Amino acid sequence: MVCNSHNMIKNTNTYKYFLVGSNFKKTRMKKIIYTLISFLFCLPIFSQIKTNQEQKDLAFYNNIKKWFSTWELAGKEIYKIDIVKPVDFIFFDDKYVYSTSNITVKNGTKVNTFNLKNLKLRWKKILQNGLIKFPDNSVVPVNLMSFTSEIPDSKNKSFFGMPLTQVLRYCGF
């Protein structure tokens, strides 16, 4: 092995360049990794921002889940009901009417939510214009109210309606 000072300096400079270049690459890689990690943590935060319509649909979904759980518990534990007779539901908030009635909501947007025991419910929603048309074809202004009635000329079919909880909270309940 021949050693001279020129080769040592040349090799040392190459080694220094390699270290500097390697360090540069490591720093750059760290920045990329930190950026990706930051992006992954920010994604769930930014994806939680929902439109007003999505927030209302989520509130409707949560309300129906709670109401139906309560009704099923009361029906089972108190009234010993296993089969629910057909009923049309109408719920409303300050912007939408949600219903299983084709008379109340003819051409609405489909909304996925729960069924009630044996009833397979097809929910739809429409923007409310200050009036609600009931399944018996009567029309009433939107107000703080709950109602139930049998539908005339039907085979023991009835309807039930009420405001969603955000309307009740707004009114002080």
N, C-alpha and C. Protein backbone atom coordinates (compact mmCIF):
# COMPACT_ATOMS: atom_id res chain seq x y z
N MET A 1 0.84 -1.16 0.00
CA MET A 1 0.00 0.00 0.00
C MET A 1 0.89 1.23 0.00
N VAL A 2 0.61 2.09 -0.94
CA VAL A 2 1.40 3.31 -1.06
C VAL A 2 0.61 4.43 -0.42
N CYS A 3 1.23 5.11 0.51
CA CYS A 3 0.58 6.23 1.18
C CYS A 3 1.35 7.48 0.87
N ASN A 4 0.66 8.43 0.38
CA ASN A 4 1.26 9.74 0.27
C ASN A 4 0.25 10.78 0.75
N SER A 5 0.71 11.91 1.04
CA SER A 5 -0.15 12.92 1.64
C SER A 5 -1.22 13.38 0.66
N HIS A 6 -0.89 13.40 -0.64
CA HIS A 6 -1.85 13.85 -1.63
C HIS A 6 -3.07 12.90 -1.67
N ASN A 7 -2.83 11.57 -1.69
CA ASN A 7 -3.92 10.60 -1.69
C ASN A 7 -4.73 10.69 -0.40
N MET A 8 -4.09 10.92 0.73
CA MET A 8 -4.80 11.02 2.01
C MET A 8 -5.72 12.22 1.98
N ILE A 9 -5.22 13.35 1.48
CA ILE A 9 -6.04 14.55 1.43
C ILE A 9 -7.19 14.34 0.46
N LYS A 10 -6.91 13.77 -0.68
CA LYS A 10 -7.94 13.52 -1.68
C LYS A 10 -9.01 12.59 -1.11
N ASN A 11 -8.58 11.51 -0.47
CA ASN A 11 -9.53 10.57 0.13
C ASN A 11 -10.30 11.22 1.27
N THR A 12 -9.64 12.04 2.06
CA THR A 12 -10.30 12.72 3.16
C THR A 12 -11.35 13.68 2.63
N ASN A 13 -11.01 14.42 1.56
CA ASN A 13 -11.98 15.33 0.97
C ASN A 13 -13.18 14.57 0.40
N THR A 14 -12.93 13.43 -0.22
CA THR A 14 -14.01 12.61 -0.74
C THR A 14 -14.88 12.13 0.41
N TYR A 15 -14.24 11.73 1.49
CA TYR A 15 -14.97 11.26 2.65
C TYR A 15 -15.80 12.39 3.25
N LYS A 16 -15.19 13.60 3.33
CA LYS A 16 -15.93 14.76 3.84
C LYS A 16 -17.11 15.06 2.92
N TYR A 17 -16.89 15.03 1.61
CA TYR A 17 -17.97 15.29 0.67
C TYR A 17 -19.09 14.26 0.85
N PHE A 18 -18.69 13.02 1.02
CA PHE A 18 -19.68 11.97 1.22
C PHE A 18 -20.50 12.23 2.48
N LEU A 19 -19.81 12.61 3.57
CA LEU A 19 -20.53 12.91 4.81
C LEU A 19 -21.44 14.11 4.65
N VAL A 20 -20.94 15.15 4.05
CA VAL A 20 -21.76 16.35 3.84
C VAL A 20 -22.93 16.02 2.93
N GLY A 21 -22.66 15.32 1.85
CA GLY A 21 -23.73 14.93 0.93
C GLY A 21 -24.72 14.01 1.61
N SER A 22 -24.23 13.09 2.40
CA SER A 22 -25.09 12.16 3.11
C SER A 22 -25.92 12.90 4.14
N ASN A 23 -25.29 13.82 4.85
CA ASN A 23 -26.00 14.61 5.85
C ASN A 23 -27.07 15.45 5.17
N PHE A 24 -26.74 16.00 4.02
CA PHE A 24 -27.71 16.77 3.25
C PHE A 24 -28.90 15.89 2.89
N LYS A 25 -28.64 14.68 2.44
CA LYS A 25 -29.71 13.75 2.06
C LYS A 25 -30.54 13.36 3.27
N LYS A 26 -29.88 13.16 4.43
CA LYS A 26 -30.61 12.80 5.65
C LYS A 26 -31.52 13.94 6.08
N THR A 27 -31.03 15.16 6.03
CA THR A 27 -31.83 16.33 6.41
C THR A 27 -33.03 16.47 5.48
N ARG A 28 -32.78 16.30 4.22
CA ARG A 28 -33.87 16.39 3.24
C ARG A 28 -34.89 15.29 3.47
N MET A 29 -34.44 14.09 3.77
CA MET A 29 -35.34 12.96 4.02
C MET A 29 -36.16 13.21 5.29
N LYS A 30 -35.51 13.79 6.32
CA LYS A 30 -36.24 14.10 7.55
C LYS A 30 -37.36 15.09 7.27
N LYS A 31 -37.07 16.11 6.46
CA LYS A 31 -38.09 17.10 6.12
C LYS A 31 -39.26 16.44 5.40
N ILE A 32 -38.96 15.54 4.50
CA ILE A 32 -40.02 14.84 3.76
C ILE A 32 -40.85 13.99 4.71
N ILE A 33 -40.18 13.27 5.60
CA ILE A 33 -40.89 12.41 6.56
C ILE A 33 -41.75 13.26 7.49
N TYR A 34 -41.21 14.37 8.01
CA TYR A 34 -41.98 15.24 8.90
C TYR A 34 -43.18 15.86 8.18
N THR A 35 -42.98 16.22 6.93
CA THR A 35 -44.08 16.76 6.15
C THR A 35 -45.17 15.72 5.96
N LEU A 36 -44.80 14.49 5.65
CA LEU A 36 -45.80 13.42 5.47
C LEU A 36 -46.53 13.13 6.77
N ILE A 37 -45.79 13.08 7.88
CA ILE A 37 -46.43 12.82 9.18
C ILE A 37 -47.38 13.96 9.53
N SER A 38 -46.95 15.20 9.31
CA SER A 38 -47.83 16.34 9.58
C SER A 38 -49.08 16.26 8.72
N PHE A 39 -48.93 15.91 7.47
CA PHE A 39 -50.08 15.78 6.57
C PHE A 39 -51.04 14.71 7.07
N LEU A 40 -50.49 13.58 7.52
CA LEU A 40 -51.34 12.49 8.01
C LEU A 40 -52.10 12.88 9.27
N PHE A 41 -51.47 13.69 10.14
CA PHE A 41 -52.17 14.14 11.35
C PHE A 41 -53.19 15.22 11.04
N CYS A 42 -52.94 16.04 10.04
CA CYS A 42 -53.86 17.11 9.68
C CYS A 42 -55.06 16.60 8.90
N LEU A 43 -54.91 15.53 8.17
CA LEU A 43 -55.98 15.02 7.33
C LEU A 43 -57.27 14.74 8.11
N PRO A 44 -57.21 14.03 9.24
CA PRO A 44 -58.46 13.81 9.99
C PRO A 44 -59.07 15.10 10.52
N ILE A 45 -58.24 16.06 10.88
CA ILE A 45 -58.76 17.32 11.40
C ILE A 45 -59.52 18.06 10.32
N PHE A 46 -58.92 18.19 9.14
CA PHE A 46 -59.57 18.91 8.06
C PHE A 46 -60.75 18.14 7.49
N SER A 47 -60.72 16.83 7.56
CA SER A 47 -61.84 16.05 7.03
C SER A 47 -63.05 16.10 7.96
N GLN A 48 -62.89 16.58 9.18
CA GLN A 48 -64.00 16.69 10.11
C GLN A 48 -64.87 17.91 9.84
N ILE A 49 -64.38 18.83 9.05
CA ILE A 49 -65.16 20.00 8.72
C ILE A 49 -66.26 19.55 7.78
N LYS A 50 -67.50 19.73 8.21
CA LYS A 50 -68.63 19.25 7.43
C LYS A 50 -69.47 20.45 6.98
N THR A 51 -70.15 20.26 5.86
CA THR A 51 -71.05 21.29 5.39
C THR A 51 -72.25 21.35 6.33
N ASN A 52 -73.00 22.40 6.21
CA ASN A 52 -74.21 22.56 7.02
C ASN A 52 -75.17 21.41 6.77
N GLN A 53 -75.29 20.99 5.51
CA GLN A 53 -76.18 19.88 5.17
C GLN A 53 -75.70 18.58 5.83
N GLU A 54 -74.40 18.31 5.79
CA GLU A 54 -73.85 17.11 6.43
C GLU A 54 -74.06 17.14 7.93
N GLN A 55 -73.92 18.31 8.55
CA GLN A 55 -74.15 18.44 9.99
C GLN A 55 -75.61 18.17 10.34
N LYS A 56 -76.52 18.68 9.52
CA LYS A 56 -77.94 18.44 9.77
C LYS A 56 -78.30 16.97 9.57
N ASP A 57 -77.75 16.33 8.54
CA ASP A 57 -78.00 14.91 8.33
C ASP A 57 -77.46 14.07 9.49
N LEU A 58 -76.29 14.44 10.00
CA LEU A 58 -75.71 13.73 11.13
C LEU A 58 -76.57 13.93 12.37
N ALA A 59 -77.06 15.15 12.59
CA ALA A 59 -77.95 15.41 13.73
C ALA A 59 -79.23 14.59 13.59
N PHE A 60 -79.79 14.53 12.39
CA PHE A 60 -80.99 13.72 12.15
C PHE A 60 -80.72 12.26 12.46
N TYR A 61 -79.61 11.75 11.94
CA TYR A 61 -79.23 10.35 12.16
C TYR A 61 -79.11 10.05 13.66
N ASN A 62 -78.42 10.91 14.40
CA ASN A 62 -78.26 10.71 15.84
C ASN A 62 -79.57 10.79 16.59
N ASN A 63 -80.45 11.74 16.18
CA ASN A 63 -81.77 11.86 16.80
C ASN A 63 -82.59 10.60 16.60
N ILE A 64 -82.64 10.12 15.37
CA ILE A 64 -83.43 8.92 15.07
C ILE A 64 -82.88 7.72 15.84
N LYS A 65 -81.59 7.60 15.91
CA LYS A 65 -80.97 6.50 16.65
C LYS A 65 -81.43 6.52 18.11
N LYS A 66 -81.42 7.69 18.74
CA LYS A 66 -81.83 7.81 20.14
C LYS A 66 -83.33 7.56 20.31
N TRP A 67 -84.14 8.18 19.43
CA TRP A 67 -85.59 8.01 19.54
C TRP A 67 -85.99 6.54 19.35
N PHE A 68 -85.45 5.92 18.32
CA PHE A 68 -85.82 4.53 18.05
C PHE A 68 -85.34 3.60 19.16
N SER A 69 -84.18 3.85 19.72
CA SER A 69 -83.71 3.04 20.85
C SER A 69 -84.66 3.16 22.03
N THR A 70 -85.12 4.38 22.29
CA THR A 70 -86.06 4.61 23.38
C THR A 70 -87.39 3.91 23.11
N TRP A 71 -87.90 4.06 21.88
CA TRP A 71 -89.17 3.43 21.54
C TRP A 71 -89.08 1.90 21.61
N GLU A 72 -87.98 1.36 21.12
CA GLU A 72 -87.82 -0.10 21.17
C GLU A 72 -87.75 -0.60 22.61
N LEU A 73 -87.03 0.12 23.45
CA LEU A 73 -86.94 -0.26 24.86
C LEU A 73 -88.31 -0.19 25.54
N ALA A 74 -89.02 0.92 25.34
CA ALA A 74 -90.36 1.07 25.94
C ALA A 74 -91.32 0.03 25.38
N GLY A 75 -91.27 -0.19 24.08
CA GLY A 75 -92.15 -1.17 23.46
C GLY A 75 -91.90 -2.57 23.98
N LYS A 76 -90.65 -2.90 24.17
CA LYS A 76 -90.29 -4.25 24.62
C LYS A 76 -90.51 -4.42 26.12
N GLU A 77 -90.00 -3.51 26.91
CA GLU A 77 -90.01 -3.66 28.37
C GLU A 77 -91.33 -3.26 29.01
N ILE A 78 -92.00 -2.24 28.51
CA ILE A 78 -93.22 -1.75 29.16
C ILE A 78 -94.47 -2.33 28.49
N TYR A 79 -94.55 -2.19 27.17
CA TYR A 79 -95.77 -2.56 26.46
C TYR A 79 -95.73 -3.97 25.87
N LYS A 80 -94.60 -4.63 25.91
CA LYS A 80 -94.43 -6.00 25.39
C LYS A 80 -94.84 -6.10 23.92
N ILE A 81 -94.42 -5.12 23.13
CA ILE A 81 -94.73 -5.09 21.70
C ILE A 81 -93.55 -5.67 20.92
N ASP A 82 -93.83 -6.66 20.10
CA ASP A 82 -92.79 -7.24 19.25
C ASP A 82 -92.88 -6.79 17.80
N ILE A 83 -94.10 -6.52 17.35
CA ILE A 83 -94.32 -6.11 15.96
C ILE A 83 -94.96 -4.73 15.95
N VAL A 84 -94.38 -3.83 15.17
CA VAL A 84 -94.89 -2.47 15.07
C VAL A 84 -95.78 -2.37 13.84
N LYS A 85 -96.97 -1.79 14.03
CA LYS A 85 -97.86 -1.57 12.89
C LYS A 85 -97.29 -0.47 12.01
N PRO A 86 -97.63 -0.50 10.71
CA PRO A 86 -97.08 0.52 9.79
C PRO A 86 -97.40 1.94 10.26
N VAL A 87 -96.40 2.77 10.22
CA VAL A 87 -96.53 4.17 10.62
C VAL A 87 -95.60 5.01 9.74
N ASP A 88 -96.06 6.19 9.37
CA ASP A 88 -95.21 7.14 8.65
C ASP A 88 -94.64 8.12 9.67
N PHE A 89 -93.35 8.40 9.56
CA PHE A 89 -92.69 9.32 10.47
C PHE A 89 -92.40 10.63 9.76
N ILE A 90 -92.50 11.72 10.51
CA ILE A 90 -92.17 13.05 10.00
C ILE A 90 -91.37 13.75 11.09
N PHE A 91 -90.16 14.13 10.76
CA PHE A 91 -89.33 14.92 11.67
C PHE A 91 -88.88 16.16 10.91
N PHE A 92 -88.65 17.23 11.63
CA PHE A 92 -88.22 18.45 10.94
C PHE A 92 -87.28 19.26 11.83
N ASP A 93 -86.47 20.06 11.15
CA ASP A 93 -85.63 21.03 11.85
C ASP A 93 -85.86 22.38 11.19
N ASP A 94 -84.97 23.32 11.39
CA ASP A 94 -85.18 24.65 10.83
C ASP A 94 -85.00 24.71 9.31
N LYS A 95 -84.49 23.65 8.72
CA LYS A 95 -84.22 23.68 7.28
C LYS A 95 -84.89 22.55 6.48
N TYR A 96 -84.96 21.35 7.06
CA TYR A 96 -85.44 20.17 6.33
C TYR A 96 -86.64 19.51 7.00
N VAL A 97 -87.39 18.79 6.16
CA VAL A 97 -88.40 17.86 6.63
C VAL A 97 -87.90 16.48 6.23
N TYR A 98 -87.80 15.58 7.20
CA TYR A 98 -87.38 14.19 6.98
C TYR A 98 -88.61 13.33 7.18
N SER A 99 -88.89 12.44 6.25
CA SER A 99 -90.11 11.64 6.39
C SER A 99 -89.99 10.30 5.67
N THR A 100 -90.83 9.37 6.13
CA THR A 100 -90.98 8.08 5.45
C THR A 100 -92.24 8.09 4.59
N SER A 101 -92.99 9.19 4.63
CA SER A 101 -94.23 9.31 3.88
C SER A 101 -93.98 9.84 2.47
N ASN A 102 -94.53 9.16 1.48
CA ASN A 102 -94.42 9.62 0.10
C ASN A 102 -95.32 10.82 -0.17
N ILE A 103 -96.28 11.07 0.69
CA ILE A 103 -97.13 12.25 0.55
C ILE A 103 -96.41 13.47 1.11
N THR A 104 -95.76 13.31 2.26
CA THR A 104 -95.04 14.42 2.89
C THR A 104 -93.81 14.80 2.08
N VAL A 105 -93.05 13.83 1.64
CA VAL A 105 -91.83 14.07 0.84
C VAL A 105 -91.94 13.22 -0.42
N LYS A 106 -92.39 13.86 -1.52
CA LYS A 106 -92.55 13.12 -2.78
C LYS A 106 -91.22 12.87 -3.46
N ASN A 107 -90.53 13.92 -3.81
CA ASN A 107 -89.30 13.81 -4.61
C ASN A 107 -88.10 14.28 -3.81
N GLY A 108 -87.91 13.72 -2.66
CA GLY A 108 -86.81 14.15 -1.81
C GLY A 108 -85.53 13.37 -2.04
N THR A 109 -84.53 13.75 -1.28
CA THR A 109 -83.23 13.09 -1.30
C THR A 109 -83.25 11.94 -0.30
N LYS A 110 -82.76 10.80 -0.71
CA LYS A 110 -82.72 9.63 0.16
C LYS A 110 -81.77 9.88 1.33
N VAL A 111 -82.19 9.45 2.52
CA VAL A 111 -81.38 9.57 3.73
C VAL A 111 -81.29 8.19 4.38
N ASN A 112 -80.08 7.73 4.65
CA ASN A 112 -79.91 6.43 5.30
C ASN A 112 -79.96 6.59 6.81
N THR A 113 -80.76 5.77 7.43
CA THR A 113 -80.83 5.75 8.90
C THR A 113 -81.38 4.40 9.34
N PHE A 114 -82.01 4.36 10.48
CA PHE A 114 -82.40 3.11 11.10
C PHE A 114 -83.81 2.67 10.72
N ASN A 115 -84.06 1.38 10.90
CA ASN A 115 -85.40 0.83 10.83
C ASN A 115 -85.93 0.72 12.25
N LEU A 116 -87.22 0.57 12.39
CA LEU A 116 -87.83 0.40 13.71
C LEU A 116 -88.42 -1.00 13.79
N LYS A 117 -87.78 -1.83 14.57
CA LYS A 117 -88.18 -3.24 14.72
C LYS A 117 -88.39 -3.89 13.36
N ASN A 118 -89.64 -4.28 13.07
CA ASN A 118 -89.95 -4.98 11.84
C ASN A 118 -90.21 -4.04 10.65
N LEU A 119 -90.30 -2.74 10.89
CA LEU A 119 -90.59 -1.79 9.81
C LEU A 119 -89.31 -1.46 9.03
N LYS A 120 -89.35 -1.65 7.75
CA LYS A 120 -88.25 -1.25 6.87
C LYS A 120 -88.58 0.15 6.35
N LEU A 121 -87.89 1.13 6.86
CA LEU A 121 -88.23 2.53 6.59
C LEU A 121 -87.35 3.11 5.48
N ARG A 122 -87.99 3.84 4.59
CA ARG A 122 -87.28 4.54 3.51
C ARG A 122 -87.42 6.04 3.77
N TRP A 123 -86.37 6.61 4.31
CA TRP A 123 -86.36 8.01 4.66
C TRP A 123 -85.96 8.87 3.48
N LYS A 124 -86.63 10.04 3.35
CA LYS A 124 -86.26 11.05 2.37
C LYS A 124 -86.35 12.41 3.06
N LYS A 125 -85.70 13.38 2.46
CA LYS A 125 -85.76 14.74 3.02
C LYS A 125 -85.96 15.75 1.90
N ILE A 126 -86.57 16.88 2.28
CA ILE A 126 -86.72 18.02 1.38
C ILE A 126 -86.50 19.28 2.20
N LEU A 127 -86.17 20.36 1.51
CA LEU A 127 -86.10 21.65 2.19
C LEU A 127 -87.52 22.02 2.60
N GLN A 128 -87.67 22.48 3.82
CA GLN A 128 -89.01 22.89 4.23
C GLN A 128 -89.20 24.37 3.91
N ASN A 129 -90.40 24.70 3.51
CA ASN A 129 -90.71 26.07 3.12
C ASN A 129 -91.61 26.75 4.14
N GLY A 130 -91.58 26.25 5.38
CA GLY A 130 -92.43 26.82 6.42
C GLY A 130 -93.73 26.06 6.59
N LEU A 131 -93.97 25.08 5.71
CA LEU A 131 -95.19 24.27 5.78
C LEU A 131 -94.82 22.79 5.72
N ILE A 132 -95.63 21.98 6.39
CA ILE A 132 -95.46 20.53 6.32
C ILE A 132 -96.79 19.92 5.87
N LYS A 133 -96.71 19.07 4.86
CA LYS A 133 -97.89 18.34 4.40
C LYS A 133 -97.88 16.98 5.07
N PHE A 134 -98.93 16.69 5.80
CA PHE A 134 -99.03 15.42 6.51
C PHE A 134 -99.55 14.32 5.59
N PRO A 135 -99.34 13.06 5.98
CA PRO A 135 -99.82 11.94 5.16
C PRO A 135 -101.35 11.92 4.96
N ASP A 136 -102.10 12.65 5.79
CA ASP A 136 -103.56 12.73 5.59
C ASP A 136 -103.93 13.89 4.67
N ASN A 137 -102.92 14.50 4.02
CA ASN A 137 -103.04 15.61 3.08
C ASN A 137 -103.34 16.97 3.72
N SER A 138 -103.37 17.06 5.03
CA SER A 138 -103.51 18.37 5.67
C SER A 138 -102.15 19.06 5.65
N VAL A 139 -102.18 20.38 5.66
CA VAL A 139 -100.95 21.18 5.63
C VAL A 139 -100.96 22.11 6.83
N VAL A 140 -99.84 22.12 7.56
CA VAL A 140 -99.73 22.97 8.75
C VAL A 140 -98.41 23.74 8.69
N PRO A 141 -98.39 24.93 9.31
CA PRO A 141 -97.12 25.66 9.36
C PRO A 141 -96.15 24.98 10.33
N VAL A 142 -94.87 25.07 10.01
CA VAL A 142 -93.84 24.51 10.90
C VAL A 142 -93.89 25.30 12.19
N ASN A 143 -93.94 24.56 13.28
CA ASN A 143 -94.04 25.19 14.58
C ASN A 143 -93.53 24.21 15.62
N LEU A 144 -93.47 24.63 16.85
CA LEU A 144 -93.10 23.72 17.93
C LEU A 144 -94.32 22.85 18.23
N MET A 145 -94.31 21.61 17.75
CA MET A 145 -95.46 20.72 17.89
C MET A 145 -95.03 19.27 17.76
N SER A 146 -95.80 18.41 18.35
CA SER A 146 -95.69 16.97 18.15
C SER A 146 -97.09 16.49 17.83
N PHE A 147 -97.19 15.49 16.99
CA PHE A 147 -98.52 15.06 16.57
C PHE A 147 -98.51 13.60 16.17
N THR A 148 -99.67 13.02 16.28
CA THR A 148 -99.89 11.66 15.80
C THR A 148 -101.35 11.55 15.40
N SER A 149 -101.60 10.77 14.37
CA SER A 149 -102.98 10.62 13.90
C SER A 149 -103.08 9.38 13.04
N GLU A 150 -104.29 8.87 12.97
CA GLU A 150 -104.55 7.78 12.04
C GLU A 150 -104.82 8.40 10.67
N ILE A 151 -104.38 7.74 9.63
CA ILE A 151 -104.60 8.24 8.27
C ILE A 151 -105.97 7.75 7.81
N PRO A 152 -106.89 8.68 7.48
CA PRO A 152 -108.22 8.26 7.03
C PRO A 152 -108.15 7.41 5.76
N ASP A 153 -109.07 6.53 5.62
CA ASP A 153 -109.19 5.65 4.45
C ASP A 153 -107.96 4.77 4.25
N SER A 154 -107.26 4.44 5.32
CA SER A 154 -106.14 3.51 5.23
C SER A 154 -106.41 2.35 6.18
N LYS A 155 -105.70 1.30 6.01
CA LYS A 155 -105.91 0.11 6.85
C LYS A 155 -105.04 0.21 8.10
N ASN A 156 -105.57 0.89 9.11
CA ASN A 156 -104.88 1.05 10.40
C ASN A 156 -103.50 1.67 10.28
N LYS A 157 -103.30 2.54 9.32
CA LYS A 157 -102.01 3.20 9.19
C LYS A 157 -102.09 4.58 9.84
N SER A 158 -101.00 4.96 10.50
CA SER A 158 -100.99 6.24 11.19
C SER A 158 -99.69 6.98 10.88
N PHE A 159 -99.60 8.20 11.39
CA PHE A 159 -98.36 8.95 11.23
C PHE A 159 -98.01 9.63 12.54
N PHE A 160 -96.73 9.91 12.68
CA PHE A 160 -96.20 10.55 13.88
C PHE A 160 -95.18 11.58 13.45
N GLY A 161 -95.22 12.74 14.06
CA GLY A 161 -94.25 13.76 13.70
C GLY A 161 -93.86 14.62 14.89
N MET A 162 -92.67 15.15 14.80
CA MET A 162 -92.17 16.05 15.84
C MET A 162 -90.90 16.74 15.36
N PRO A 163 -90.54 17.84 16.04
CA PRO A 163 -89.27 18.50 15.69
C PRO A 163 -88.08 17.69 16.20
N LEU A 164 -86.95 17.88 15.55
CA LEU A 164 -85.70 17.27 16.03
C LEU A 164 -85.20 18.02 17.26
N THR A 165 -84.32 17.40 18.00
CA THR A 165 -83.91 17.97 19.29
C THR A 165 -83.27 19.34 19.19
N GLN A 166 -82.59 19.68 18.09
CA GLN A 166 -81.99 21.01 18.01
C GLN A 166 -83.07 22.09 17.97
N VAL A 167 -84.25 21.80 17.42
CA VAL A 167 -85.36 22.74 17.43
C VAL A 167 -85.88 22.87 18.86
N LEU A 168 -86.00 21.75 19.56
CA LEU A 168 -86.47 21.80 20.95
C LEU A 168 -85.49 22.60 21.81
N ARG A 169 -84.20 22.39 21.63
CA ARG A 169 -83.19 23.14 22.39
C ARG A 169 -83.28 24.64 22.08
N TYR A 170 -83.47 24.97 20.81
CA TYR A 170 -83.57 26.36 20.39
C TYR A 170 -84.77 27.02 21.08
N CYS A 171 -85.84 26.26 21.26
CA CYS A 171 -87.06 26.80 21.90
C CYS A 171 -86.99 26.75 23.43
N GLY A 172 -85.89 26.28 23.97
CA GLY A 172 -85.72 26.30 25.42
C GLY A 172 -86.07 25.02 26.14
N PHE A 173 -86.23 23.92 25.44
CA PHE A 173 -86.57 22.66 26.08
C PHE A 173 -85.33 21.82 26.30
